[in-house]
Amino acid sequence: MQCSKCRRDAVVQQRYSGLRLCETHFLEDVERKVKRRLRKEIKLRSGNTLAVALSGGKDSSVLLYVLCGIFGRRRDINIVAITVDEGIAGYRPKYVRQAKKLADELSVDLFLFSFKAVFGATLDEIVRAAGLDDELRDKAPCTFCGVLRKTLLNRVGRELGVAAIATAHNLDDEAQTILMNYIRGDIARLLRAPARSEKFVPRVKPLRDVPEEEVALYGMLRGLKVEFEECPYKRLSFRFKILSWLNDFERRHPGTRYSILRGFERLVQDERRHFEPKSCERCGEPCAGNICQACRLLSKININYAP
């Protein structure tokens, strides 16, 4: 199988595009998609700092590597990494070590924070406490993890004074999220534009146009340590059900993930409503109501978050 752009052997066949790409053209394709998304979502100015949410997994490792390559020659833009240790026994420690190793190799400052230090409990402890509450028993651990990670990243990013936080959400993640909101009927969340608030650090998703399998292949070709171990809580989530269905549909109908993302972006292009946040009465973080989701969840398991 030869590359569609040259005569070298192809390393990937993109069924959604019809292209077969050799290693060189594949790497260029991924980097082109990342650059295009960056131009679309953020304008960095001289002196700005861009933070990368670095878990140590394949997606965030690739993201940090690519961004260092893009901005490495610009001395006026600083790249830092923020790693969150949620406290998942037997799983998170190895990824934290990998995050530290990669940041050191790329000469990037890494800031490590944990749920235990900030919220007073690990995710494992939170999940056990939630299991005792009838209202929360059916809530997936991913609900707690996602809300608390978002709160922590925003707080840390603000304290560090970063211009934006880059997260490693890939095409699969985005398509799954869009479908989840459609199925739940959460139109308000779909139409909500980024909040305008000094307390809210802008987010950017440079891997948004790159399929998950291509992120993994890019990492392997660049010699990055790519882990495929699943979070032990993953299969309990609603997202996992959507993931399984979407992967099957993508196999049968290549390009489905891109169609979902592009359709969503066209749909909301003229309909997005800017979110004017309030300040949480308990912790001061920006939120839609009087109490943020993080404080609301933690209070139900008798954890008082006081930053």
Protein backbone atom coordinates (compact mmCIF):
# COMPACT_ATOMS: atom_id res chain seq x y z
CA MET A 1 0.00 0.00 0.00
CA GLN A 2 1.63 3.21 -1.20
CA CYS A 3 1.18 6.75 0.09
CA SER A 4 -1.34 8.81 -1.88
CA LYS A 5 1.11 11.72 -1.95
CA CYS A 6 4.35 9.90 -2.72
CA ARG A 7 5.55 6.39 -3.49
CA ARG A 8 6.66 5.46 0.00
CA ASP A 9 4.91 2.78 2.03
CA ALA A 10 1.81 4.03 3.82
CA VAL A 11 1.48 3.67 7.60
CA VAL A 12 -2.21 4.56 7.73
CA GLN A 13 -5.29 4.43 5.55
CA GLN A 14 -7.80 7.16 6.37
CA ARG A 15 -11.11 5.63 5.35
CA TYR A 16 -12.90 8.90 6.08
CA SER A 17 -10.69 10.84 3.62
CA GLY A 18 -9.73 8.08 1.20
CA LEU A 19 -6.04 8.91 1.69
CA ARG A 20 -3.16 6.53 2.39
CA LEU A 21 -0.28 8.31 4.09
CA CYS A 22 3.37 7.45 4.69
CA GLU A 23 4.97 8.30 8.01
CA THR A 24 6.16 11.74 6.90
CA HIS A 25 2.84 12.81 5.38
CA PHE A 26 0.86 11.35 8.27
CA LEU A 27 2.85 13.31 10.86
CA GLU A 28 2.43 16.46 8.76
CA ASP A 29 -1.32 15.82 8.51
CA VAL A 30 -1.75 15.60 12.28
CA GLU A 31 0.33 18.71 12.90
CA ARG A 32 -1.55 20.63 10.19
CA LYS A 33 -4.87 19.82 11.88
CA VAL A 34 -3.53 20.97 15.25
CA LYS A 35 -2.22 24.26 13.83
CA ARG A 36 -5.50 24.93 12.02
CA ARG A 37 -7.49 24.37 15.20
CA LEU A 38 -5.15 26.61 17.21
CA ARG A 39 -5.57 29.45 14.69
CA LYS A 40 -9.32 28.98 14.92
CA GLU A 41 -9.64 28.95 18.70
CA ILE A 42 -6.98 31.21 20.18
CA LYS A 43 -4.67 34.11 19.47
CA LEU A 44 -1.60 34.07 21.68
CA ARG A 45 0.31 37.29 22.20
CA SER A 46 3.93 37.88 23.04
CA GLY A 47 4.56 37.08 26.69
CA ASN A 48 1.59 34.72 27.02
CA THR A 49 1.78 31.37 28.81
CA LEU A 50 -0.13 28.39 27.47
CA ALA A 51 -0.84 25.59 29.95
CA VAL A 52 -1.31 21.98 28.89
CA ALA A 53 -3.46 19.66 31.00
CA LEU A 54 -1.02 16.75 31.11
CA SER A 55 -2.34 13.45 32.49
CA GLY A 56 0.57 11.39 31.18
CA GLY A 57 -1.71 9.40 28.87
CA LYS A 58 -1.33 9.15 25.09
CA ASP A 59 -3.52 12.12 24.15
CA SER A 60 -2.08 14.70 26.53
CA SER A 61 1.48 13.48 25.90
CA VAL A 62 1.03 13.93 22.15
CA LEU A 63 -0.55 17.33 22.73
CA LEU A 64 2.36 18.59 24.82
CA TYR A 65 4.88 17.23 22.30
CA VAL A 66 3.16 18.88 19.32
CA LEU A 67 2.69 22.23 21.07
CA CYS A 68 6.34 22.29 22.13
CA GLY A 69 7.24 21.68 18.49
CA ILE A 70 4.98 24.50 17.29
CA PHE A 71 5.98 27.08 19.90
CA GLY A 72 9.46 25.80 20.72
CA ARG A 73 11.15 28.38 18.51
CA ARG A 74 9.13 31.25 19.95
CA ARG A 75 10.82 32.59 23.05
CA ASP A 76 7.90 34.94 23.66
CA ILE A 77 5.43 32.10 24.32
CA ASN A 78 5.86 29.93 27.41
CA ILE A 79 4.49 26.38 27.68
CA VAL A 80 3.78 24.84 31.09
CA ALA A 81 2.06 21.61 32.13
CA ILE A 82 -0.57 21.06 34.83
CA THR A 83 -1.02 17.51 36.11
CA VAL A 84 -3.95 16.52 38.30
CA ASP A 85 -3.68 13.44 40.51
CA GLU A 86 -7.28 12.42 41.08
CA GLY A 87 -6.32 9.62 43.44
CA ILE A 88 -7.12 6.39 41.60
CA ALA A 89 -5.17 3.57 43.25
CA GLY A 90 -3.17 1.34 40.93
CA TYR A 91 -3.81 3.56 37.93
CA ARG A 92 -2.95 7.23 38.32
CA PRO A 93 0.55 6.96 39.92
CA LYS A 94 2.16 5.46 36.78
CA TYR A 95 0.67 8.22 34.63
CA VAL A 96 1.88 10.92 37.00
CA ARG A 97 5.39 9.48 36.71
CA GLN A 98 5.10 9.46 32.93
CA ALA A 99 3.90 13.08 32.92
CA LYS A 100 6.87 14.16 35.02
CA LYS A 101 9.27 12.26 32.74
CA LEU A 102 7.90 13.79 29.54
CA ALA A 103 7.83 17.32 30.97
CA ASP A 104 11.45 16.91 32.02
CA GLU A 105 12.46 15.63 28.56
CA LEU A 106 10.77 18.59 26.89
CA SER A 107 12.11 21.10 29.46
CA VAL A 108 8.61 22.13 30.47
CA ASP A 109 7.71 23.27 34.00
CA LEU A 110 5.13 20.94 35.53
CA PHE A 111 2.72 21.86 38.32
CA LEU A 112 1.23 18.89 40.17
CA PHE A 113 -1.98 19.08 42.20
CA SER A 114 -4.16 16.42 43.78
CA PHE A 115 -7.83 16.03 44.69
CA LYS A 116 -6.72 14.98 48.17
CA ALA A 117 -4.80 18.21 48.82
CA VAL A 118 -7.36 20.54 47.28
CA PHE A 119 -10.73 18.89 47.99
CA GLY A 120 -9.79 16.79 51.01
CA ALA A 121 -10.45 13.40 49.41
CA THR A 122 -9.19 11.19 46.60
CA LEU A 123 -11.55 10.15 43.80
CA ASP A 124 -11.58 6.63 45.25
CA GLU A 125 -12.73 8.03 48.60
CA ILE A 126 -15.34 10.24 46.92
CA VAL A 127 -16.74 7.28 44.98
CA ARG A 128 -17.03 5.19 48.15
CA ALA A 129 -18.79 8.03 49.95
CA ALA A 130 -21.16 8.62 47.03
CA GLY A 131 -22.13 4.94 47.05
CA LEU A 132 -23.77 5.45 50.45
CA ASP A 133 -26.10 8.15 49.14
CA ASP A 134 -29.29 7.04 47.34
CA GLU A 135 -29.32 10.15 45.16
CA LEU A 136 -25.69 9.79 44.09
CA ARG A 137 -25.39 6.00 43.84
CA ASP A 138 -26.18 5.98 40.13
CA LYS A 139 -23.87 8.88 39.32
CA ALA A 140 -20.78 7.60 37.53
CA PRO A 141 -17.38 8.36 39.07
CA CYS A 142 -16.63 10.21 35.82
CA THR A 143 -19.20 12.85 36.83
CA PHE A 144 -17.27 13.69 40.00
CA CYS A 145 -13.92 13.44 38.26
CA GLY A 146 -14.88 15.67 35.33
CA VAL A 147 -16.43 18.39 37.46
CA LEU A 148 -13.63 18.49 40.02
CA ARG A 149 -10.83 18.36 37.41
CA LYS A 150 -12.41 21.26 35.52
CA THR A 151 -12.72 23.29 38.72
CA LEU A 152 -9.13 22.55 39.75
CA LEU A 153 -7.64 23.29 36.32
CA ASN A 154 -9.47 26.62 36.15
CA ARG A 155 -8.35 27.62 39.63
CA VAL A 156 -4.71 26.64 39.00
CA GLY A 157 -4.66 28.23 35.55
CA ARG A 158 -5.94 31.49 37.00
CA GLU A 159 -3.37 31.45 39.80
CA LEU A 160 -0.57 30.82 37.27
CA GLY A 161 -1.84 33.63 35.06
CA VAL A 162 -1.99 31.54 31.89
CA ALA A 163 -3.64 32.86 28.73
CA ALA A 164 -5.40 29.55 28.09
CA ILE A 165 -5.46 25.87 29.04
CA ALA A 166 -5.05 23.32 26.27
CA THR A 167 -6.83 20.04 26.90
CA ALA A 168 -6.27 16.82 24.94
CA HIS A 169 -9.82 16.16 23.80
CA ASN A 170 -9.62 14.38 20.44
CA LEU A 171 -12.23 13.95 17.69
CA ASP A 172 -13.74 10.88 19.37
CA ASP A 173 -14.14 12.73 22.67
CA GLU A 174 -15.85 15.68 20.98
CA ALA A 175 -18.25 13.56 18.92
CA GLN A 176 -19.17 11.56 22.04
CA THR A 177 -19.82 14.72 24.06
CA ILE A 178 -22.05 16.20 21.35
CA LEU A 179 -24.10 12.99 21.15
CA MET A 180 -24.37 12.76 24.95
CA ASN A 181 -25.82 16.28 25.14
CA TYR A 182 -28.26 15.57 22.30
CA ILE A 183 -29.47 12.38 23.96
CA ARG A 184 -29.89 14.14 27.31
CA GLY A 185 -31.71 17.01 25.62
CA ASP A 186 -29.24 19.50 27.09
CA ILE A 187 -29.63 22.10 24.34
CA ALA A 188 -28.59 24.93 26.66
CA ARG A 189 -25.17 23.34 27.15
CA LEU A 190 -24.78 22.76 23.41
CA LEU A 191 -25.49 26.41 22.62
CA ARG A 192 -23.48 27.86 25.49
CA ALA A 193 -20.48 29.85 24.28
CA PRO A 194 -17.33 30.31 26.42
CA ALA A 195 -17.93 32.31 29.58
CA ARG A 196 -16.81 35.91 29.75
CA SER A 197 -15.23 36.24 33.15
CA GLU A 198 -11.85 37.12 34.59
CA LYS A 199 -12.24 34.05 36.79
CA PHE A 200 -12.66 31.70 33.85
CA VAL A 201 -9.51 30.65 31.99
CA PRO A 202 -10.17 30.08 28.25
CA ARG A 203 -9.89 26.50 27.00
CA VAL A 204 -8.52 25.31 23.69
CA LYS A 205 -8.72 21.81 22.19
CA PRO A 206 -5.94 21.49 19.58
CA LEU A 207 -6.57 17.75 18.97
CA ARG A 208 -10.27 18.26 18.27
CA ASP A 209 -9.92 17.29 14.60
CA VAL A 210 -7.67 14.26 15.14
CA PRO A 211 -9.20 10.76 15.59
CA GLU A 212 -8.10 8.90 18.72
CA GLU A 213 -6.37 6.10 16.79
CA GLU A 214 -4.31 8.68 14.88
CA VAL A 215 -3.27 10.39 18.11
CA ALA A 216 -1.98 7.02 19.35
CA LEU A 217 -0.17 6.30 16.07
CA TYR A 218 1.43 9.75 16.09
CA GLY A 219 2.72 9.15 19.60
CA MET A 220 4.23 5.79 18.68
CA LEU A 221 5.90 7.15 15.55
CA ARG A 222 7.40 10.03 17.56
CA GLY A 223 8.77 7.58 20.11
CA LEU A 224 6.51 8.69 22.96
CA LYS A 225 5.48 6.23 25.64
CA VAL A 226 1.88 5.44 24.76
CA GLU A 227 -0.22 3.71 27.42
CA PHE A 228 -3.52 2.00 26.58
CA GLU A 229 -4.63 1.02 30.08
CA GLU A 230 -8.20 2.10 30.77
CA CYS A 231 -9.23 4.01 33.85
CA PRO A 232 -10.94 1.45 36.13
CA TYR A 233 -14.04 3.66 36.26
CA LYS A 234 -14.38 4.17 32.50
CA ARG A 235 -16.82 1.34 31.81
CA LEU A 236 -19.24 2.66 34.43
CA SER A 237 -19.81 5.87 32.49
CA PHE A 238 -22.59 6.86 30.10
CA ARG A 239 -19.83 8.01 27.75
CA PHE A 240 -18.56 4.44 27.43
CA LYS A 241 -21.93 3.33 26.04
CA ILE A 242 -21.83 6.17 23.51
CA LEU A 243 -18.20 5.33 22.68
CA SER A 244 -19.02 1.71 21.85
CA TRP A 245 -21.94 2.67 19.63
CA LEU A 246 -20.02 5.43 17.85
CA ASN A 247 -16.98 3.22 17.16
CA ASP A 248 -19.23 0.61 15.57
CA PHE A 249 -21.00 3.24 13.48
CA GLU A 250 -17.67 4.74 12.37
CA ARG A 251 -16.52 1.32 11.17
CA ARG A 252 -19.68 0.92 9.12
CA HIS A 253 -19.84 4.55 7.95
CA PRO A 254 -16.36 6.16 7.86
CA GLY A 255 -16.46 9.88 8.52
CA THR A 256 -19.32 9.77 11.04
CA ARG A 257 -17.25 11.44 13.78
CA TYR A 258 -16.28 14.32 11.51
CA SER A 259 -19.89 14.69 10.34
CA ILE A 260 -21.10 14.98 13.94
CA LEU A 261 -18.49 17.61 14.78
CA ARG A 262 -18.92 19.64 11.58
CA GLY A 263 -22.71 19.50 11.81
CA PHE A 264 -22.58 20.69 15.40
CA GLU A 265 -20.21 23.56 14.57
CA ARG A 266 -22.45 24.72 11.71
CA LEU A 267 -25.57 24.39 13.85
CA VAL A 268 -24.30 26.57 16.69
CA GLN A 269 -22.27 29.03 14.62
CA ASP A 270 -24.97 31.70 14.76
CA GLU A 271 -26.87 30.45 17.79
CA ARG A 272 -24.28 30.41 20.56
CA ARG A 273 -25.21 32.33 23.65
CA HIS A 274 -22.45 33.80 25.74
CA PHE A 275 -22.47 32.52 29.28
CA GLU A 276 -22.32 35.30 31.87
CA PRO A 277 -21.26 33.42 35.01
CA LYS A 278 -22.01 34.16 38.62
CA SER A 279 -19.60 33.47 41.47
CA CYS A 280 -20.21 30.41 43.62
CA GLU A 281 -21.37 31.47 47.08
CA ARG A 282 -19.13 28.87 48.70
CA CYS A 283 -15.84 28.78 46.80
CA GLY A 284 -16.02 31.84 44.53
CA GLU A 285 -15.47 29.91 41.28
CA PRO A 286 -17.50 30.93 38.21
CA CYS A 287 -20.73 28.97 37.70
CA ALA A 288 -24.21 29.19 36.18
CA GLY A 289 -26.14 29.30 39.46
CA ASN A 290 -25.47 30.33 43.03
CA ILE A 291 -23.57 27.14 43.91
CA CYS A 292 -21.07 25.54 41.51
CA GLN A 293 -21.38 21.91 40.53
CA ALA A 294 -18.19 20.97 42.40
CA CYS A 295 -19.46 22.35 45.72
CA ARG A 296 -22.90 20.87 45.09
CA LEU A 297 -21.51 17.36 44.55
CA LEU A 298 -19.02 17.52 47.42
CA SER A 299 -21.61 18.80 49.89
CA LYS A 300 -23.77 15.74 49.21
CA ILE A 301 -20.99 13.51 50.53
CA ASN A 302 -20.21 15.83 53.45
CA ILE A 303 -17.01 17.34 52.04
CA ASN A 304 -16.80 21.09 52.46
CA TYR A 305 -14.54 22.54 49.79
CA ALA A 306 -13.04 25.78 51.04
CA PRO A 307 -10.14 27.02 48.85
